[in-house]
């Protein structure tokens, strides 16, 4: 008989749930800020007291991630992979421009933006959708080989073909390593955070406030 394994964070979460009254029912939902919430009351997940400030990386991420979740689901791409790419490419800055001329959240080169019909690379939805479609095509081309996918996203498909894999460019090698490291972190969240809102609603979420 197979044994059921409960990882430490899940065990802690179950202990928290056990502390609730039997009358409480726990629902799972994704908030407008992109966080995953578990709550003991129905309705849309409200903002948590004392959450992100009006500016900064965390608030930028909170504005961007709902789009990422929607578009990643639409194109059947892992949202956490897209999140890692955006973090490395632009740090969630919608108007980021690189020295090479890449633009927006997913740092689309003008030729790539044109290829996917992105007329305004600084429009968050258009930029993310264009980047995800490019990522999806790379995923198909390299049959899910994530290292080649990321190398091609950064250095181009010709460079990957020329070298038969990740090209010997320090920038590209660092890029692949950074995205993979972040992706592994995002994909293996180890904690569940517990908060109460101003109205006393109990929330559990996969990210700290």
N, C-alpha and C. Protein backbone atom coordinates (compact mmCIF):
# COMPACT_ATOMS: atom_id res chain seq x y z
N UNK A 1 0.85 -1.20 0.00
CA UNK A 1 0.00 0.00 0.00
C UNK A 1 0.88 1.24 0.00
N UNK A 2 0.51 2.21 -0.84
CA UNK A 2 1.28 3.45 -0.89
C UNK A 2 1.13 4.23 0.40
N UNK A 3 2.21 4.88 0.82
CA UNK A 3 2.18 5.70 2.02
C UNK A 3 1.93 7.15 1.66
N UNK A 4 1.11 7.82 2.41
CA UNK A 4 0.85 9.24 2.19
C UNK A 4 1.91 10.04 2.92
N UNK A 5 2.56 10.96 2.20
CA UNK A 5 3.60 11.80 2.78
C UNK A 5 3.06 13.21 2.95
N UNK A 6 3.18 13.77 4.13
CA UNK A 6 2.74 15.15 4.39
C UNK A 6 3.98 15.99 4.63
N UNK A 7 4.23 16.96 3.74
CA UNK A 7 5.40 17.81 3.90
C UNK A 7 5.20 18.73 5.09
N UNK A 8 6.30 19.26 5.68
CA UNK A 8 6.18 20.04 6.92
C UNK A 8 5.23 21.22 6.83
N UNK A 9 5.28 21.99 5.71
CA UNK A 9 4.41 23.17 5.66
C UNK A 9 2.94 22.77 5.64
N UNK A 10 2.66 21.62 4.96
CA UNK A 10 1.28 21.18 4.89
C UNK A 10 0.81 20.70 6.26
N UNK A 11 1.70 20.02 6.99
CA UNK A 11 1.35 19.58 8.33
C UNK A 11 1.01 20.77 9.22
N UNK A 12 1.84 21.83 9.13
CA UNK A 12 1.58 23.03 9.92
C UNK A 12 0.26 23.66 9.54
N UNK A 13 -0.05 23.65 8.24
CA UNK A 13 -1.30 24.24 7.77
C UNK A 13 -2.50 23.45 8.30
N UNK A 14 -2.36 22.11 8.30
CA UNK A 14 -3.45 21.29 8.81
C UNK A 14 -3.67 21.52 10.30
N UNK A 15 -2.58 21.75 11.02
CA UNK A 15 -2.70 22.06 12.45
C UNK A 15 -3.46 23.36 12.65
N UNK A 16 -3.16 24.36 11.79
CA UNK A 16 -3.88 25.63 11.89
C UNK A 16 -5.37 25.44 11.63
N UNK A 17 -5.68 24.64 10.63
CA UNK A 17 -7.09 24.41 10.31
C UNK A 17 -7.79 23.68 11.44
N UNK A 18 -7.05 22.78 12.08
CA UNK A 18 -7.66 22.03 13.18
C UNK A 18 -8.05 22.94 14.33
N UNK A 19 -7.39 24.10 14.44
CA UNK A 19 -7.69 25.03 15.51
C UNK A 19 -8.95 25.83 15.28
N UNK A 20 -9.50 25.75 14.08
CA UNK A 20 -10.75 26.45 13.80
C UNK A 20 -11.92 25.65 14.34
N UNK A 21 -13.02 26.32 14.55
CA UNK A 21 -14.20 25.61 15.04
C UNK A 21 -14.76 24.73 13.94
N UNK A 22 -15.54 23.72 14.33
CA UNK A 22 -16.12 22.81 13.35
C UNK A 22 -17.08 23.52 12.41
N UNK A 23 -17.59 24.66 12.86
CA UNK A 23 -18.56 25.39 12.05
C UNK A 23 -17.88 26.13 10.91
N UNK A 24 -16.55 26.33 11.03
CA UNK A 24 -15.84 27.06 9.99
C UNK A 24 -15.61 26.16 8.77
N UNK A 25 -15.85 26.70 7.58
CA UNK A 25 -15.51 25.99 6.36
C UNK A 25 -14.41 26.77 5.66
N UNK A 26 -13.41 26.07 5.15
CA UNK A 26 -12.26 26.72 4.54
C UNK A 26 -12.38 26.63 3.03
N UNK A 27 -12.26 27.76 2.36
CA UNK A 27 -12.29 27.80 0.91
C UNK A 27 -10.95 28.29 0.38
N UNK A 28 -10.60 27.85 -0.82
CA UNK A 28 -9.34 28.22 -1.46
C UNK A 28 -9.67 29.14 -2.63
N UNK A 29 -8.95 30.26 -2.74
CA UNK A 29 -9.22 31.19 -3.82
C UNK A 29 -7.98 32.01 -4.15
N UNK A 30 -7.95 32.51 -5.38
CA UNK A 30 -6.84 33.37 -5.81
C UNK A 30 -7.33 34.81 -5.74
N UNK A 31 -6.65 35.67 -4.98
CA UNK A 31 -7.06 37.05 -4.81
C UNK A 31 -6.70 37.91 -6.01
N UNK A 32 -7.22 39.13 -6.04
CA UNK A 32 -6.92 40.05 -7.13
C UNK A 32 -5.45 40.42 -7.16
N UNK A 33 -4.76 40.28 -6.05
CA UNK A 33 -3.34 40.59 -5.99
C UNK A 33 -2.46 39.42 -6.43
N UNK A 34 -3.08 38.33 -6.87
CA UNK A 34 -2.33 37.18 -7.34
C UNK A 34 -1.97 36.17 -6.27
N UNK A 35 -2.25 36.48 -5.00
CA UNK A 35 -1.94 35.55 -3.93
C UNK A 35 -2.93 34.40 -3.87
N UNK A 36 -2.47 33.28 -3.36
CA UNK A 36 -3.36 32.17 -3.08
C UNK A 36 -3.85 32.31 -1.65
N UNK A 37 -5.18 32.29 -1.45
CA UNK A 37 -5.77 32.47 -0.13
C UNK A 37 -6.58 31.25 0.29
N UNK A 38 -6.51 30.94 1.58
CA UNK A 38 -7.45 30.02 2.21
C UNK A 38 -8.18 30.85 3.27
N UNK A 39 -9.48 30.80 3.27
CA UNK A 39 -10.23 31.65 4.18
C UNK A 39 -11.42 30.91 4.78
N UNK A 40 -11.86 31.40 5.94
CA UNK A 40 -12.99 30.76 6.62
C UNK A 40 -14.32 31.45 6.33
N UNK A 41 -14.32 32.41 5.41
CA UNK A 41 -15.56 33.10 5.04
C UNK A 41 -15.64 33.24 3.54
N UNK A 42 -16.84 33.13 3.01
CA UNK A 42 -17.03 33.22 1.57
C UNK A 42 -16.87 34.65 1.09
N UNK A 43 -16.70 34.79 -0.21
CA UNK A 43 -16.57 36.12 -0.81
C UNK A 43 -15.17 36.34 -1.33
N UNK A 44 -15.01 37.42 -2.11
CA UNK A 44 -13.70 37.73 -2.69
C UNK A 44 -12.70 38.06 -1.60
N UNK A 45 -11.45 37.62 -1.80
CA UNK A 45 -10.40 37.87 -0.81
C UNK A 45 -10.08 39.35 -0.75
N UNK A 46 -10.24 39.98 0.42
CA UNK A 46 -9.97 41.41 0.54
C UNK A 46 -8.49 41.67 0.77
N UNK A 47 -8.13 42.93 0.75
CA UNK A 47 -6.75 43.28 1.06
C UNK A 47 -6.46 43.00 2.52
N UNK A 48 -5.24 42.58 2.82
CA UNK A 48 -4.83 42.29 4.19
C UNK A 48 -4.33 43.57 4.84
N UNK A 49 -4.69 43.75 6.09
CA UNK A 49 -4.26 44.94 6.83
C UNK A 49 -2.74 45.04 6.82
N UNK A 50 -2.24 46.22 6.45
CA UNK A 50 -0.80 46.44 6.49
C UNK A 50 -0.06 45.80 5.34
N UNK A 51 -0.72 45.60 4.19
CA UNK A 51 -0.06 44.97 3.06
C UNK A 51 0.79 45.97 2.30
N UNK A 52 1.21 45.56 1.08
CA UNK A 52 2.25 46.26 0.34
C UNK A 52 2.04 47.76 0.21
N UNK A 53 3.11 48.54 0.23
CA UNK A 53 3.02 49.98 0.05
C UNK A 53 2.63 50.34 -1.37
N UNK A 54 2.41 51.63 -1.58
CA UNK A 54 1.92 52.09 -2.88
C UNK A 54 2.94 51.90 -3.98
N UNK A 55 4.22 51.79 -3.67
CA UNK A 55 5.24 51.64 -4.69
C UNK A 55 6.25 50.61 -4.22
N UNK A 56 7.03 50.10 -5.19
CA UNK A 56 8.06 49.14 -4.85
C UNK A 56 7.82 47.82 -5.54
N UNK A 57 8.83 46.92 -5.52
CA UNK A 57 8.74 45.64 -6.22
C UNK A 57 7.53 44.81 -5.82
N UNK A 58 7.19 44.80 -4.52
CA UNK A 58 6.09 43.96 -4.07
C UNK A 58 4.75 44.45 -4.62
N UNK A 59 4.53 45.75 -4.62
CA UNK A 59 3.27 46.27 -5.15
C UNK A 59 3.21 46.13 -6.67
N UNK A 60 4.38 46.27 -7.32
CA UNK A 60 4.41 46.05 -8.77
C UNK A 60 4.03 44.60 -9.09
N UNK A 61 4.57 43.68 -8.32
CA UNK A 61 4.26 42.27 -8.51
C UNK A 61 2.77 42.02 -8.28
N UNK A 62 2.21 42.65 -7.25
CA UNK A 62 0.80 42.46 -6.93
C UNK A 62 -0.10 42.92 -8.07
N UNK A 63 0.32 43.97 -8.78
CA UNK A 63 -0.49 44.46 -9.91
C UNK A 63 -0.35 43.57 -11.13
N UNK A 64 0.82 42.97 -11.30
CA UNK A 64 1.12 42.21 -12.51
C UNK A 64 0.63 40.76 -12.43
N UNK A 65 0.76 40.14 -11.25
CA UNK A 65 0.51 38.71 -11.15
C UNK A 65 -0.91 38.27 -11.53
N UNK A 66 -1.95 39.03 -11.24
CA UNK A 66 -3.27 38.58 -11.71
C UNK A 66 -3.32 38.37 -13.22
N UNK A 67 -2.67 39.26 -13.98
CA UNK A 67 -2.60 39.09 -15.43
C UNK A 67 -1.81 37.84 -15.80
N UNK A 68 -0.73 37.61 -15.08
CA UNK A 68 0.11 36.42 -15.34
C UNK A 68 -0.71 35.15 -15.15
N UNK A 69 -1.46 35.07 -14.06
CA UNK A 69 -2.25 33.86 -13.79
C UNK A 69 -3.31 33.64 -14.88
N UNK A 70 -3.97 34.71 -15.29
CA UNK A 70 -5.02 34.59 -16.30
C UNK A 70 -4.43 34.14 -17.64
N UNK A 71 -3.37 34.81 -18.08
CA UNK A 71 -2.80 34.53 -19.39
C UNK A 71 -2.04 33.20 -19.41
N UNK A 72 -1.38 32.87 -18.32
CA UNK A 72 -0.67 31.58 -18.26
C UNK A 72 -1.65 30.43 -18.36
N UNK A 73 -2.80 30.57 -17.69
CA UNK A 73 -3.82 29.52 -17.79
C UNK A 73 -4.37 29.44 -19.20
N UNK A 74 -4.58 30.59 -19.84
CA UNK A 74 -5.11 30.62 -21.20
C UNK A 74 -4.21 29.88 -22.18
N UNK A 75 -2.88 30.04 -22.01
CA UNK A 75 -1.93 29.43 -22.95
C UNK A 75 -1.27 28.17 -22.39
N UNK A 76 -1.76 27.70 -21.25
CA UNK A 76 -1.27 26.46 -20.65
C UNK A 76 0.25 26.50 -20.40
N UNK A 77 0.68 27.58 -19.74
CA UNK A 77 2.07 27.75 -19.35
C UNK A 77 2.11 27.93 -17.84
N UNK A 78 3.12 27.40 -17.20
CA UNK A 78 3.25 27.52 -15.75
C UNK A 78 3.41 28.99 -15.34
N UNK A 79 2.46 29.49 -14.56
CA UNK A 79 2.50 30.90 -14.14
C UNK A 79 3.75 31.22 -13.33
N UNK A 80 4.26 30.26 -12.58
CA UNK A 80 5.44 30.53 -11.77
C UNK A 80 6.69 30.66 -12.64
N UNK A 81 6.72 29.99 -13.77
CA UNK A 81 7.83 30.18 -14.71
C UNK A 81 7.78 31.59 -15.31
N UNK A 82 6.59 32.03 -15.69
CA UNK A 82 6.43 33.39 -16.22
C UNK A 82 6.82 34.41 -15.16
N UNK A 83 6.40 34.16 -13.93
CA UNK A 83 6.76 35.06 -12.82
C UNK A 83 8.28 35.17 -12.67
N UNK A 84 8.98 34.03 -12.75
CA UNK A 84 10.43 34.04 -12.61
C UNK A 84 11.09 34.81 -13.75
N UNK A 85 10.58 34.63 -14.96
CA UNK A 85 11.14 35.34 -16.11
C UNK A 85 10.94 36.85 -15.96
N UNK A 86 9.74 37.27 -15.58
CA UNK A 86 9.48 38.70 -15.41
C UNK A 86 10.37 39.28 -14.31
N UNK A 87 10.54 38.52 -13.24
CA UNK A 87 11.38 39.00 -12.13
C UNK A 87 12.81 39.26 -12.60
N UNK A 88 13.36 38.35 -13.41
CA UNK A 88 14.73 38.50 -13.89
C UNK A 88 14.81 39.54 -15.00
N UNK A 89 13.83 39.54 -15.88
CA UNK A 89 13.87 40.44 -17.04
C UNK A 89 13.68 41.90 -16.67
N UNK A 90 12.69 42.19 -15.84
CA UNK A 90 12.32 43.60 -15.61
C UNK A 90 12.05 43.95 -14.16
N UNK A 91 12.07 42.97 -13.27
CA UNK A 91 11.70 43.19 -11.87
C UNK A 91 10.31 43.83 -11.76
N UNK A 92 9.42 43.40 -12.65
CA UNK A 92 8.02 43.83 -12.67
C UNK A 92 7.85 45.31 -13.02
N UNK A 93 8.80 45.89 -13.73
CA UNK A 93 8.69 47.28 -14.18
C UNK A 93 8.10 47.30 -15.59
N UNK A 94 6.92 47.88 -15.72
CA UNK A 94 6.21 47.84 -17.01
C UNK A 94 6.93 48.63 -18.10
N UNK A 95 7.71 49.66 -17.73
CA UNK A 95 8.36 50.50 -18.72
C UNK A 95 9.87 50.26 -18.79
N UNK A 96 10.29 49.09 -18.38
CA UNK A 96 11.72 48.75 -18.43
C UNK A 96 12.20 48.66 -19.88
N UNK A 97 13.41 49.18 -20.12
CA UNK A 97 14.05 49.10 -21.44
C UNK A 97 15.50 48.70 -21.22
N UNK A 98 15.93 47.68 -21.96
CA UNK A 98 17.31 47.21 -21.81
C UNK A 98 18.23 47.96 -22.75
N UNK A 99 19.53 47.78 -22.54
CA UNK A 99 20.51 48.42 -23.43
C UNK A 99 20.39 47.90 -24.86
N UNK A 100 19.90 46.67 -25.00
CA UNK A 100 19.75 46.08 -26.34
C UNK A 100 18.44 46.49 -27.00
N UNK A 101 17.57 47.18 -26.25
CA UNK A 101 16.31 47.64 -26.82
C UNK A 101 15.11 46.79 -26.49
N UNK A 102 15.28 45.78 -25.62
CA UNK A 102 14.13 44.98 -25.19
C UNK A 102 13.23 45.83 -24.29
N UNK A 103 11.92 45.59 -24.38
CA UNK A 103 10.98 46.50 -23.72
C UNK A 103 9.93 45.76 -22.87
N UNK A 104 9.52 46.43 -21.81
CA UNK A 104 8.39 45.98 -21.03
C UNK A 104 8.69 44.88 -20.05
N UNK A 105 7.64 44.34 -19.47
CA UNK A 105 7.74 43.36 -18.40
C UNK A 105 8.53 42.12 -18.78
N UNK A 106 8.25 41.58 -19.97
CA UNK A 106 8.95 40.38 -20.40
C UNK A 106 10.06 40.68 -21.39
N UNK A 107 10.42 41.96 -21.47
CA UNK A 107 11.55 42.41 -22.27
C UNK A 107 11.52 41.86 -23.70
N UNK A 108 10.48 42.24 -24.43
CA UNK A 108 10.34 41.83 -25.82
C UNK A 108 11.19 42.70 -26.73
N UNK A 109 11.98 42.05 -27.58
CA UNK A 109 12.69 42.79 -28.61
C UNK A 109 11.66 43.26 -29.64
N UNK A 110 11.91 44.39 -30.33
CA UNK A 110 10.93 44.88 -31.31
C UNK A 110 10.50 43.84 -32.33
N UNK A 111 11.45 43.02 -32.81
CA UNK A 111 11.10 41.99 -33.80
C UNK A 111 10.17 40.94 -33.19
N UNK A 112 10.42 40.57 -31.94
CA UNK A 112 9.57 39.58 -31.27
C UNK A 112 8.19 40.16 -31.01
N UNK A 113 8.15 41.43 -30.58
CA UNK A 113 6.86 42.09 -30.36
C UNK A 113 6.05 42.12 -31.65
N UNK A 114 6.70 42.46 -32.76
CA UNK A 114 6.00 42.50 -34.05
C UNK A 114 5.52 41.11 -34.46
N UNK A 115 6.34 40.12 -34.19
CA UNK A 115 6.01 38.72 -34.55
C UNK A 115 4.71 38.27 -33.88
N UNK A 116 4.47 38.77 -32.67
CA UNK A 116 3.28 38.35 -31.93
C UNK A 116 2.22 39.44 -31.85
N UNK A 117 2.34 40.45 -32.69
CA UNK A 117 1.31 41.46 -32.80
C UNK A 117 1.20 42.40 -31.62
N UNK A 118 2.31 42.59 -30.89
CA UNK A 118 2.30 43.49 -29.74
C UNK A 118 2.65 44.89 -30.23
N UNK A 119 1.64 45.76 -30.32
CA UNK A 119 1.87 47.11 -30.83
C UNK A 119 2.34 48.08 -29.75
N UNK A 120 1.98 47.79 -28.49
CA UNK A 120 2.42 48.62 -27.38
C UNK A 120 3.12 47.73 -26.36
N UNK A 121 4.46 47.63 -26.42
CA UNK A 121 5.18 46.74 -25.51
C UNK A 121 5.13 47.17 -24.05
N UNK A 122 4.65 48.40 -23.78
CA UNK A 122 4.55 48.88 -22.40
C UNK A 122 3.17 48.65 -21.80
N UNK A 123 2.27 48.09 -22.61
CA UNK A 123 0.97 47.70 -22.08
C UNK A 123 1.15 46.34 -21.40
N UNK A 124 0.90 46.25 -20.09
CA UNK A 124 1.19 45.00 -19.36
C UNK A 124 0.56 43.75 -19.97
N UNK A 125 -0.72 43.83 -20.29
CA UNK A 125 -1.40 42.65 -20.83
C UNK A 125 -0.81 42.24 -22.16
N UNK A 126 -0.62 43.20 -23.05
CA UNK A 126 -0.09 42.89 -24.37
C UNK A 126 1.32 42.33 -24.28
N UNK A 127 2.14 42.92 -23.41
CA UNK A 127 3.52 42.47 -23.27
C UNK A 127 3.58 41.05 -22.71
N UNK A 128 2.81 40.79 -21.65
CA UNK A 128 2.83 39.46 -21.04
C UNK A 128 2.29 38.42 -22.02
N UNK A 129 1.22 38.77 -22.72
CA UNK A 129 0.65 37.81 -23.67
C UNK A 129 1.64 37.50 -24.79
N UNK A 130 2.31 38.54 -25.30
CA UNK A 130 3.31 38.31 -26.34
C UNK A 130 4.45 37.44 -25.84
N UNK A 131 4.92 37.73 -24.62
CA UNK A 131 6.01 36.95 -24.04
C UNK A 131 5.61 35.51 -23.80
N UNK A 132 4.39 35.29 -23.33
CA UNK A 132 3.92 33.93 -23.08
C UNK A 132 3.76 33.16 -24.39
N UNK A 133 3.26 33.81 -25.42
CA UNK A 133 3.12 33.13 -26.71
C UNK A 133 4.49 32.74 -27.26
N UNK A 134 5.47 33.62 -27.12
CA UNK A 134 6.83 33.30 -27.53
C UNK A 134 7.37 32.13 -26.71
N UNK A 135 7.15 32.17 -25.41
CA UNK A 135 7.58 31.11 -24.51
C UNK A 135 6.92 29.78 -24.90
N UNK A 136 5.65 29.83 -25.23
CA UNK A 136 4.92 28.62 -25.61
C UNK A 136 5.50 28.01 -26.88
N UNK A 137 5.83 28.85 -27.85
CA UNK A 137 6.44 28.36 -29.09
C UNK A 137 7.81 27.73 -28.82
N UNK A 138 8.59 28.35 -27.96
CA UNK A 138 9.88 27.79 -27.60
C UNK A 138 9.72 26.47 -26.87
N UNK A 139 8.71 26.38 -26.02
CA UNK A 139 8.44 25.15 -25.28
C UNK A 139 8.14 24.00 -26.24
N UNK A 140 7.35 24.30 -27.26
CA UNK A 140 7.05 23.27 -28.27
C UNK A 140 8.30 22.90 -29.06
N UNK A 141 9.06 23.89 -29.46
CA UNK A 141 10.24 23.65 -30.30
C UNK A 141 11.27 22.78 -29.59
N UNK A 142 11.48 23.06 -28.30
CA UNK A 142 12.50 22.32 -27.55
C UNK A 142 11.90 21.22 -26.68
N UNK A 143 10.63 20.90 -26.94
CA UNK A 143 9.96 19.76 -26.30
C UNK A 143 10.08 19.78 -24.78
N UNK A 144 9.90 20.96 -24.21
CA UNK A 144 9.89 21.10 -22.77
C UNK A 144 11.25 21.11 -22.10
N UNK A 145 12.33 21.19 -22.89
CA UNK A 145 13.69 21.32 -22.31
C UNK A 145 13.84 22.75 -21.80
N UNK A 146 13.61 22.93 -20.51
CA UNK A 146 13.51 24.28 -19.96
C UNK A 146 14.80 25.08 -20.11
N UNK A 147 15.94 24.43 -20.01
CA UNK A 147 17.20 25.14 -20.13
C UNK A 147 17.37 25.72 -21.54
N UNK A 148 16.99 24.95 -22.53
CA UNK A 148 17.07 25.46 -23.92
C UNK A 148 16.01 26.53 -24.17
N UNK A 149 14.85 26.33 -23.60
CA UNK A 149 13.78 27.33 -23.73
C UNK A 149 14.25 28.68 -23.20
N UNK A 150 14.81 28.67 -22.01
CA UNK A 150 15.25 29.92 -21.39
C UNK A 150 16.45 30.52 -22.13
N UNK A 151 17.35 29.67 -22.59
CA UNK A 151 18.50 30.16 -23.35
C UNK A 151 18.05 30.84 -24.64
N UNK A 152 17.06 30.23 -25.30
CA UNK A 152 16.54 30.82 -26.54
C UNK A 152 15.79 32.11 -26.26
N UNK A 153 15.08 32.16 -25.14
CA UNK A 153 14.35 33.38 -24.78
C UNK A 153 15.34 34.53 -24.59
N UNK A 154 16.49 34.22 -24.02
CA UNK A 154 17.48 35.25 -23.73
C UNK A 154 18.40 35.56 -24.91
N UNK A 155 18.92 34.54 -25.55
CA UNK A 155 19.96 34.73 -26.57
C UNK A 155 19.47 34.53 -27.99
N UNK A 156 18.29 33.98 -28.14
CA UNK A 156 17.75 33.73 -29.47
C UNK A 156 17.89 32.29 -29.89
N UNK A 157 16.99 31.88 -30.78
CA UNK A 157 16.96 30.49 -31.24
C UNK A 157 18.19 30.13 -32.08
N UNK A 158 18.70 31.08 -32.83
CA UNK A 158 19.89 30.80 -33.65
C UNK A 158 21.08 30.44 -32.80
N UNK A 159 21.24 31.15 -31.67
CA UNK A 159 22.38 30.88 -30.78
C UNK A 159 22.27 29.49 -30.18
N UNK A 160 21.07 29.09 -29.79
CA UNK A 160 20.88 27.75 -29.23
C UNK A 160 21.16 26.68 -30.28
N UNK A 161 20.71 26.91 -31.50
CA UNK A 161 20.97 25.95 -32.58
C UNK A 161 22.46 25.87 -32.89
N UNK A 162 23.12 27.00 -32.91
CA UNK A 162 24.55 27.03 -33.25
C UNK A 162 25.38 26.23 -32.25
N UNK A 163 25.05 26.35 -30.97
CA UNK A 163 25.85 25.69 -29.94
C UNK A 163 25.23 24.39 -29.43
N UNK A 164 24.08 24.04 -29.96
CA UNK A 164 23.45 22.79 -29.55
C UNK A 164 22.95 22.80 -28.12
N UNK A 165 22.64 23.96 -27.60
CA UNK A 165 22.19 24.09 -26.21
C UNK A 165 22.44 25.50 -25.72
N UNK A 166 22.70 25.65 -24.42
CA UNK A 166 22.95 26.97 -23.86
C UNK A 166 24.25 27.51 -24.44
N UNK A 167 24.22 28.66 -25.12
CA UNK A 167 25.45 29.21 -25.69
C UNK A 167 26.43 29.65 -24.60
N UNK A 168 27.72 29.69 -24.93
CA UNK A 168 28.73 30.03 -23.92
C UNK A 168 28.83 31.53 -23.63
N UNK A 169 27.67 32.16 -23.50
CA UNK A 169 27.63 33.58 -23.17
C UNK A 169 27.42 33.70 -21.66
N UNK A 170 28.30 34.37 -20.95
CA UNK A 170 28.13 34.50 -19.49
C UNK A 170 26.75 35.06 -19.11
N UNK A 171 26.28 36.05 -19.87
CA UNK A 171 24.98 36.65 -19.55
C UNK A 171 23.86 35.62 -19.64
N UNK A 172 23.88 34.82 -20.72
CA UNK A 172 22.84 33.82 -20.91
C UNK A 172 22.94 32.71 -19.87
N UNK A 173 24.14 32.30 -19.54
CA UNK A 173 24.32 31.26 -18.53
C UNK A 173 23.83 31.74 -17.17
N UNK A 174 24.13 33.00 -16.84
CA UNK A 174 23.63 33.55 -15.57
C UNK A 174 22.11 33.67 -15.60
N UNK A 175 21.58 34.07 -16.75
CA UNK A 175 20.14 34.25 -16.90
C UNK A 175 19.40 32.92 -16.65
N UNK A 176 19.85 31.87 -17.31
CA UNK A 176 19.21 30.57 -17.15
C UNK A 176 19.27 30.12 -15.70
N UNK A 177 20.43 30.28 -15.07
CA UNK A 177 20.59 29.87 -13.67
C UNK A 177 19.67 30.66 -12.75
N UNK A 178 19.56 31.96 -12.96
CA UNK A 178 18.73 32.80 -12.10
C UNK A 178 17.25 32.47 -12.24
N UNK A 179 16.79 32.31 -13.49
CA UNK A 179 15.37 31.99 -13.70
C UNK A 179 15.03 30.64 -13.09
N UNK A 180 15.88 29.65 -13.30
CA UNK A 180 15.63 28.32 -12.76
C UNK A 180 15.61 28.35 -11.23
N UNK A 181 16.52 29.10 -10.63
CA UNK A 181 16.57 29.19 -9.17
C UNK A 181 15.29 29.81 -8.62
N UNK A 182 14.83 30.88 -9.25
CA UNK A 182 13.60 31.53 -8.82
C UNK A 182 12.40 30.61 -9.04
N UNK A 183 12.37 29.96 -10.18
CA UNK A 183 11.26 29.06 -10.50
C UNK A 183 11.16 27.94 -9.47
N UNK A 184 12.29 27.38 -9.10
CA UNK A 184 12.28 26.32 -8.10
C UNK A 184 11.80 26.84 -6.75
N UNK A 185 12.15 28.09 -6.44
CA UNK A 185 11.68 28.69 -5.19
C UNK A 185 10.18 28.93 -5.23
N UNK A 186 9.69 29.52 -6.32
CA UNK A 186 8.27 29.80 -6.43
C UNK A 186 7.44 28.52 -6.48
N UNK A 187 7.98 27.51 -7.16
CA UNK A 187 7.24 26.27 -7.34
C UNK A 187 7.25 25.37 -6.13
N UNK A 188 8.08 25.68 -5.16
CA UNK A 188 8.18 24.84 -3.96
C UNK A 188 8.01 25.69 -2.71
N UNK A 189 6.94 26.49 -2.70
CA UNK A 189 6.68 27.35 -1.56
C UNK A 189 6.62 26.53 -0.29
N UNK A 190 7.34 26.97 0.74
CA UNK A 190 7.50 26.15 1.94
C UNK A 190 6.69 26.66 3.13
N UNK A 191 5.94 27.74 2.94
CA UNK A 191 5.22 28.28 4.09
C UNK A 191 3.82 28.72 3.72
N UNK A 192 2.94 28.66 4.70
CA UNK A 192 1.61 29.24 4.58
C UNK A 192 1.50 30.32 5.66
N UNK A 193 1.10 31.53 5.25
CA UNK A 193 1.03 32.66 6.18
C UNK A 193 -0.42 32.89 6.60
N UNK A 194 -0.60 33.27 7.85
CA UNK A 194 -1.93 33.47 8.42
C UNK A 194 -2.10 34.93 8.83
N UNK A 195 -3.22 35.53 8.44
CA UNK A 195 -3.52 36.92 8.78
C UNK A 195 -4.98 37.07 9.19
N UNK A 196 -5.27 38.20 9.82
CA UNK A 196 -6.66 38.60 10.03
C UNK A 196 -6.86 39.97 9.40
N UNK A 197 -7.97 40.14 8.73
CA UNK A 197 -8.28 41.42 8.12
C UNK A 197 -8.85 42.36 9.17
N UNK A 198 -9.06 43.61 8.77
CA UNK A 198 -9.61 44.61 9.69
C UNK A 198 -10.99 44.19 10.20
N UNK A 199 -11.71 43.39 9.42
CA UNK A 199 -13.05 42.94 9.83
C UNK A 199 -13.01 41.60 10.56
N UNK A 200 -11.81 41.12 10.84
CA UNK A 200 -11.69 39.88 11.60
C UNK A 200 -11.72 38.62 10.78
N UNK A 201 -11.69 38.76 9.46
CA UNK A 201 -11.71 37.58 8.59
C UNK A 201 -10.35 36.90 8.63
N UNK A 202 -10.34 35.59 8.75
CA UNK A 202 -9.10 34.83 8.81
C UNK A 202 -8.68 34.42 7.41
N UNK A 203 -7.42 34.72 7.07
CA UNK A 203 -6.89 34.39 5.75
C UNK A 203 -5.60 33.60 5.87
N UNK A 204 -5.42 32.64 4.99
CA UNK A 204 -4.17 31.94 4.82
C UNK A 204 -3.69 32.22 3.41
N UNK A 205 -2.41 32.51 3.21
CA UNK A 205 -1.88 32.82 1.89
C UNK A 205 -0.49 32.22 1.73
N UNK A 206 -0.10 32.03 0.46
CA UNK A 206 1.20 31.41 0.18
C UNK A 206 2.35 32.42 0.09
N UNK A 207 2.07 33.71 0.30
CA UNK A 207 3.12 34.72 0.25
C UNK A 207 3.02 35.64 1.44
N UNK A 208 4.16 36.14 1.95
CA UNK A 208 4.10 37.05 3.10
C UNK A 208 3.57 38.41 2.68
N UNK A 209 3.06 39.18 3.67
CA UNK A 209 2.55 40.50 3.33
C UNK A 209 3.68 41.49 3.21
